[in-house]
Amino acid sequence: MVEADAGLAKIKAAAKQYAGMIDGNDFGLDAEDPKNKKIIAEATKIMLDGLKEIQDNMDEWTSRMDKLDKMLTSMSH
């Protein structure tokens, strides 16, 4: 269980790190151009939403693993 929790924590940390790299990035486009500004905003939102979903999923799986661990521990006593 500890190894699984560590793996989930690594995935969540990577998602946070990538979100930090994306937020405020212009992706090599001219952010002053209104068309590009819209593209940048849309791309940023899509990617950040996806990364947030990954983080939320990792939290949910960690919670489930903790509950499973508690159940297995109580059954073995």
N, C-alpha and C. Protein backbone atom coordinates (compact mmCIF):
# COMPACT_ATOMS: atom_id res chain seq x y z
N MET A 1 0.82 -1.20 0.00
CA MET A 1 0.00 0.00 0.00
C MET A 1 0.86 1.26 0.00
N VAL A 2 1.97 1.21 0.73
CA VAL A 2 2.84 2.38 0.81
C VAL A 2 3.40 2.72 -0.56
N GLU A 3 3.76 1.69 -1.33
CA GLU A 3 4.31 1.92 -2.66
C GLU A 3 3.25 2.53 -3.58
N ALA A 4 2.02 2.06 -3.46
CA ALA A 4 0.95 2.62 -4.29
C ALA A 4 0.70 4.07 -3.92
N ASP A 5 0.67 4.37 -2.61
CA ASP A 5 0.48 5.75 -2.18
C ASP A 5 1.60 6.65 -2.69
N ALA A 6 2.82 6.14 -2.65
CA ALA A 6 3.96 6.92 -3.14
C ALA A 6 3.83 7.18 -4.63
N GLY A 7 3.38 6.18 -5.38
CA GLY A 7 3.18 6.34 -6.82
C GLY A 7 2.11 7.38 -7.13
N LEU A 8 1.01 7.33 -6.39
CA LEU A 8 -0.06 8.30 -6.58
C LEU A 8 0.42 9.71 -6.25
N ALA A 9 1.21 9.84 -5.20
CA ALA A 9 1.75 11.15 -4.82
C ALA A 9 2.67 11.69 -5.90
N LYS A 10 3.45 10.81 -6.54
CA LYS A 10 4.35 11.25 -7.62
C LYS A 10 3.55 11.75 -8.82
N ILE A 11 2.48 11.03 -9.15
CA ILE A 11 1.65 11.45 -10.28
C ILE A 11 1.02 12.81 -9.99
N LYS A 12 0.50 12.98 -8.77
CA LYS A 12 -0.11 14.25 -8.40
C LYS A 12 0.92 15.38 -8.44
N ALA A 13 2.11 15.12 -7.93
CA ALA A 13 3.17 16.14 -7.93
C ALA A 13 3.56 16.52 -9.35
N ALA A 14 3.62 15.54 -10.24
CA ALA A 14 3.97 15.82 -11.64
C ALA A 14 2.88 16.68 -12.28
N ALA A 15 1.62 16.39 -11.99
CA ALA A 15 0.52 17.18 -12.55
C ALA A 15 0.60 18.62 -12.06
N LYS A 16 0.93 18.81 -10.78
CA LYS A 16 1.08 20.17 -10.23
C LYS A 16 2.24 20.89 -10.91
N GLN A 17 3.33 20.16 -11.12
CA GLN A 17 4.51 20.77 -11.74
C GLN A 17 4.19 21.21 -13.17
N TYR A 18 3.52 20.35 -13.93
CA TYR A 18 3.16 20.71 -15.30
C TYR A 18 2.18 21.88 -15.32
N ALA A 19 1.26 21.91 -14.37
CA ALA A 19 0.32 23.03 -14.30
C ALA A 19 1.08 24.33 -14.09
N GLY A 20 2.10 24.30 -13.26
CA GLY A 20 2.91 25.49 -13.03
C GLY A 20 3.64 25.95 -14.28
N MET A 21 4.03 24.99 -15.12
CA MET A 21 4.73 25.32 -16.36
C MET A 21 3.77 25.89 -17.40
N ILE A 22 2.53 25.47 -17.35
CA ILE A 22 1.53 25.88 -18.35
C ILE A 22 0.95 27.25 -18.01
N ASP A 23 0.64 27.46 -16.74
CA ASP A 23 -0.01 28.70 -16.32
C ASP A 23 0.89 29.89 -16.65
N GLY A 24 0.40 30.80 -17.48
CA GLY A 24 1.16 31.98 -17.85
C GLY A 24 2.04 31.79 -19.08
N ASN A 25 2.06 30.59 -19.64
CA ASN A 25 2.88 30.30 -20.82
C ASN A 25 2.16 30.81 -22.07
N ASP A 26 2.92 31.39 -23.00
CA ASP A 26 2.30 31.87 -24.25
C ASP A 26 2.46 30.86 -25.39
N PHE A 27 3.09 29.73 -25.13
CA PHE A 27 3.27 28.64 -26.10
C PHE A 27 3.94 29.12 -27.39
N GLY A 28 4.76 30.14 -27.27
CA GLY A 28 5.49 30.65 -28.43
C GLY A 28 4.65 31.52 -29.35
N LEU A 29 3.44 31.86 -28.91
CA LEU A 29 2.57 32.72 -29.72
C LEU A 29 2.68 34.16 -29.25
N ASP A 30 2.35 35.07 -30.13
CA ASP A 30 2.33 36.49 -29.79
C ASP A 30 1.07 36.77 -28.97
N ALA A 31 1.24 36.93 -27.68
CA ALA A 31 0.11 37.12 -26.77
C ALA A 31 -0.59 38.47 -26.98
N GLU A 32 0.03 39.37 -27.72
CA GLU A 32 -0.59 40.67 -27.99
C GLU A 32 -1.65 40.56 -29.09
N ASP A 33 -1.54 39.56 -29.94
CA ASP A 33 -2.52 39.33 -31.01
C ASP A 33 -3.79 38.78 -30.38
N PRO A 34 -4.94 39.45 -30.57
CA PRO A 34 -6.20 39.01 -29.94
C PRO A 34 -6.56 37.55 -30.26
N LYS A 35 -6.31 37.13 -31.49
CA LYS A 35 -6.61 35.74 -31.88
C LYS A 35 -5.74 34.78 -31.09
N ASN A 36 -4.45 35.09 -31.02
CA ASN A 36 -3.52 34.24 -30.26
C ASN A 36 -3.83 34.28 -28.77
N LYS A 37 -4.22 35.46 -28.28
CA LYS A 37 -4.55 35.58 -26.86
C LYS A 37 -5.69 34.63 -26.50
N LYS A 38 -6.68 34.55 -27.39
CA LYS A 38 -7.81 33.64 -27.17
C LYS A 38 -7.36 32.18 -27.21
N ILE A 39 -6.52 31.85 -28.18
CA ILE A 39 -5.99 30.49 -28.30
C ILE A 39 -5.21 30.11 -27.05
N ILE A 40 -4.37 31.02 -26.59
CA ILE A 40 -3.56 30.78 -25.39
C ILE A 40 -4.47 30.54 -24.18
N ALA A 41 -5.48 31.37 -24.02
CA ALA A 41 -6.40 31.24 -22.89
C ALA A 41 -7.15 29.91 -22.94
N GLU A 42 -7.63 29.54 -24.13
CA GLU A 42 -8.38 28.29 -24.27
C GLU A 42 -7.48 27.08 -24.02
N ALA A 43 -6.29 27.10 -24.60
CA ALA A 43 -5.36 25.98 -24.42
C ALA A 43 -4.96 25.84 -22.95
N THR A 44 -4.68 26.97 -22.32
CA THR A 44 -4.30 26.96 -20.91
C THR A 44 -5.43 26.38 -20.06
N LYS A 45 -6.65 26.81 -20.31
CA LYS A 45 -7.79 26.31 -19.53
C LYS A 45 -7.96 24.81 -19.70
N ILE A 46 -7.92 24.35 -20.93
CA ILE A 46 -8.09 22.91 -21.20
C ILE A 46 -7.02 22.10 -20.48
N MET A 47 -5.78 22.53 -20.61
CA MET A 47 -4.69 21.77 -19.99
C MET A 47 -4.75 21.83 -18.46
N LEU A 48 -5.01 23.00 -17.91
CA LEU A 48 -5.09 23.12 -16.45
C LEU A 48 -6.26 22.33 -15.89
N ASP A 49 -7.38 22.35 -16.60
CA ASP A 49 -8.53 21.55 -16.16
C ASP A 49 -8.20 20.06 -16.16
N GLY A 50 -7.53 19.61 -17.20
CA GLY A 50 -7.12 18.20 -17.28
C GLY A 50 -6.16 17.83 -16.17
N LEU A 51 -5.19 18.68 -15.90
CA LEU A 51 -4.22 18.41 -14.84
C LEU A 51 -4.88 18.45 -13.47
N LYS A 52 -5.85 19.34 -13.29
CA LYS A 52 -6.59 19.39 -12.02
C LYS A 52 -7.38 18.10 -11.82
N GLU A 53 -7.95 17.60 -12.90
CA GLU A 53 -8.69 16.34 -12.82
C GLU A 53 -7.76 15.19 -12.42
N ILE A 54 -6.56 15.18 -12.95
CA ILE A 54 -5.58 14.16 -12.56
C ILE A 54 -5.28 14.27 -11.06
N GLN A 55 -5.06 15.49 -10.59
CA GLN A 55 -4.77 15.69 -9.16
C GLN A 55 -5.94 15.22 -8.30
N ASP A 56 -7.14 15.57 -8.71
CA ASP A 56 -8.33 15.16 -7.96
C ASP A 56 -8.48 13.64 -7.95
N ASN A 57 -8.20 13.01 -9.09
CA ASN A 57 -8.27 11.55 -9.17
C ASN A 57 -7.24 10.90 -8.25
N MET A 58 -6.05 11.47 -8.20
CA MET A 58 -5.01 10.91 -7.33
C MET A 58 -5.42 11.04 -5.86
N ASP A 59 -6.05 12.16 -5.51
CA ASP A 59 -6.56 12.33 -4.14
C ASP A 59 -7.62 11.27 -3.82
N GLU A 60 -8.51 11.04 -4.78
CA GLU A 60 -9.57 10.05 -4.58
C GLU A 60 -8.98 8.64 -4.42
N TRP A 61 -8.01 8.30 -5.28
CA TRP A 61 -7.40 6.97 -5.18
C TRP A 61 -6.62 6.82 -3.88
N THR A 62 -5.95 7.87 -3.45
CA THR A 62 -5.23 7.81 -2.18
C THR A 62 -6.21 7.58 -1.03
N SER A 63 -7.34 8.27 -1.07
CA SER A 63 -8.36 8.09 -0.05
C SER A 63 -8.88 6.65 -0.05
N ARG A 64 -9.13 6.12 -1.22
CA ARG A 64 -9.62 4.74 -1.33
C ARG A 64 -8.58 3.75 -0.82
N MET A 65 -7.33 3.99 -1.16
CA MET A 65 -6.26 3.10 -0.69
C MET A 65 -6.15 3.14 0.83
N ASP A 66 -6.29 4.31 1.41
CA ASP A 66 -6.25 4.45 2.87
C ASP A 66 -7.40 3.68 3.52
N LYS A 67 -8.60 3.80 2.95
CA LYS A 67 -9.75 3.08 3.48
C LYS A 67 -9.55 1.57 3.37
N LEU A 68 -9.04 1.12 2.23
CA LEU A 68 -8.78 -0.30 2.04
C LEU A 68 -7.74 -0.79 3.04
N ASP A 69 -6.70 -0.02 3.24
CA ASP A 69 -5.66 -0.38 4.19
C ASP A 69 -6.24 -0.53 5.60
N LYS A 70 -7.08 0.41 5.99
CA LYS A 70 -7.72 0.35 7.33
C LYS A 70 -8.60 -0.87 7.45
N MET A 71 -9.35 -1.18 6.39
CA MET A 71 -10.22 -2.35 6.43
C MET A 71 -9.42 -3.63 6.55
N LEU A 72 -8.36 -3.75 5.75
CA LEU A 72 -7.53 -4.93 5.79
C LEU A 72 -6.83 -5.08 7.15
N THR A 73 -6.40 -3.96 7.70
CA THR A 73 -5.75 -3.99 9.02
C THR A 73 -6.73 -4.45 10.09
N SER A 74 -7.96 -3.92 10.04
CA SER A 74 -8.94 -4.30 11.06
C SER A 74 -9.37 -5.75 10.91
N MET A 75 -9.39 -6.28 9.68
CA MET A 75 -9.76 -7.67 9.45
C MET A 75 -8.70 -8.63 9.94
N SER A 76 -7.45 -8.19 9.93
CA SER A 76 -6.36 -9.08 10.33
C SER A 76 -6.18 -9.17 11.84
N HIS A 77 -6.90 -8.34 12.57
CA HIS A 77 -6.76 -8.35 14.04
C HIS A 77 -7.83 -9.17 14.67
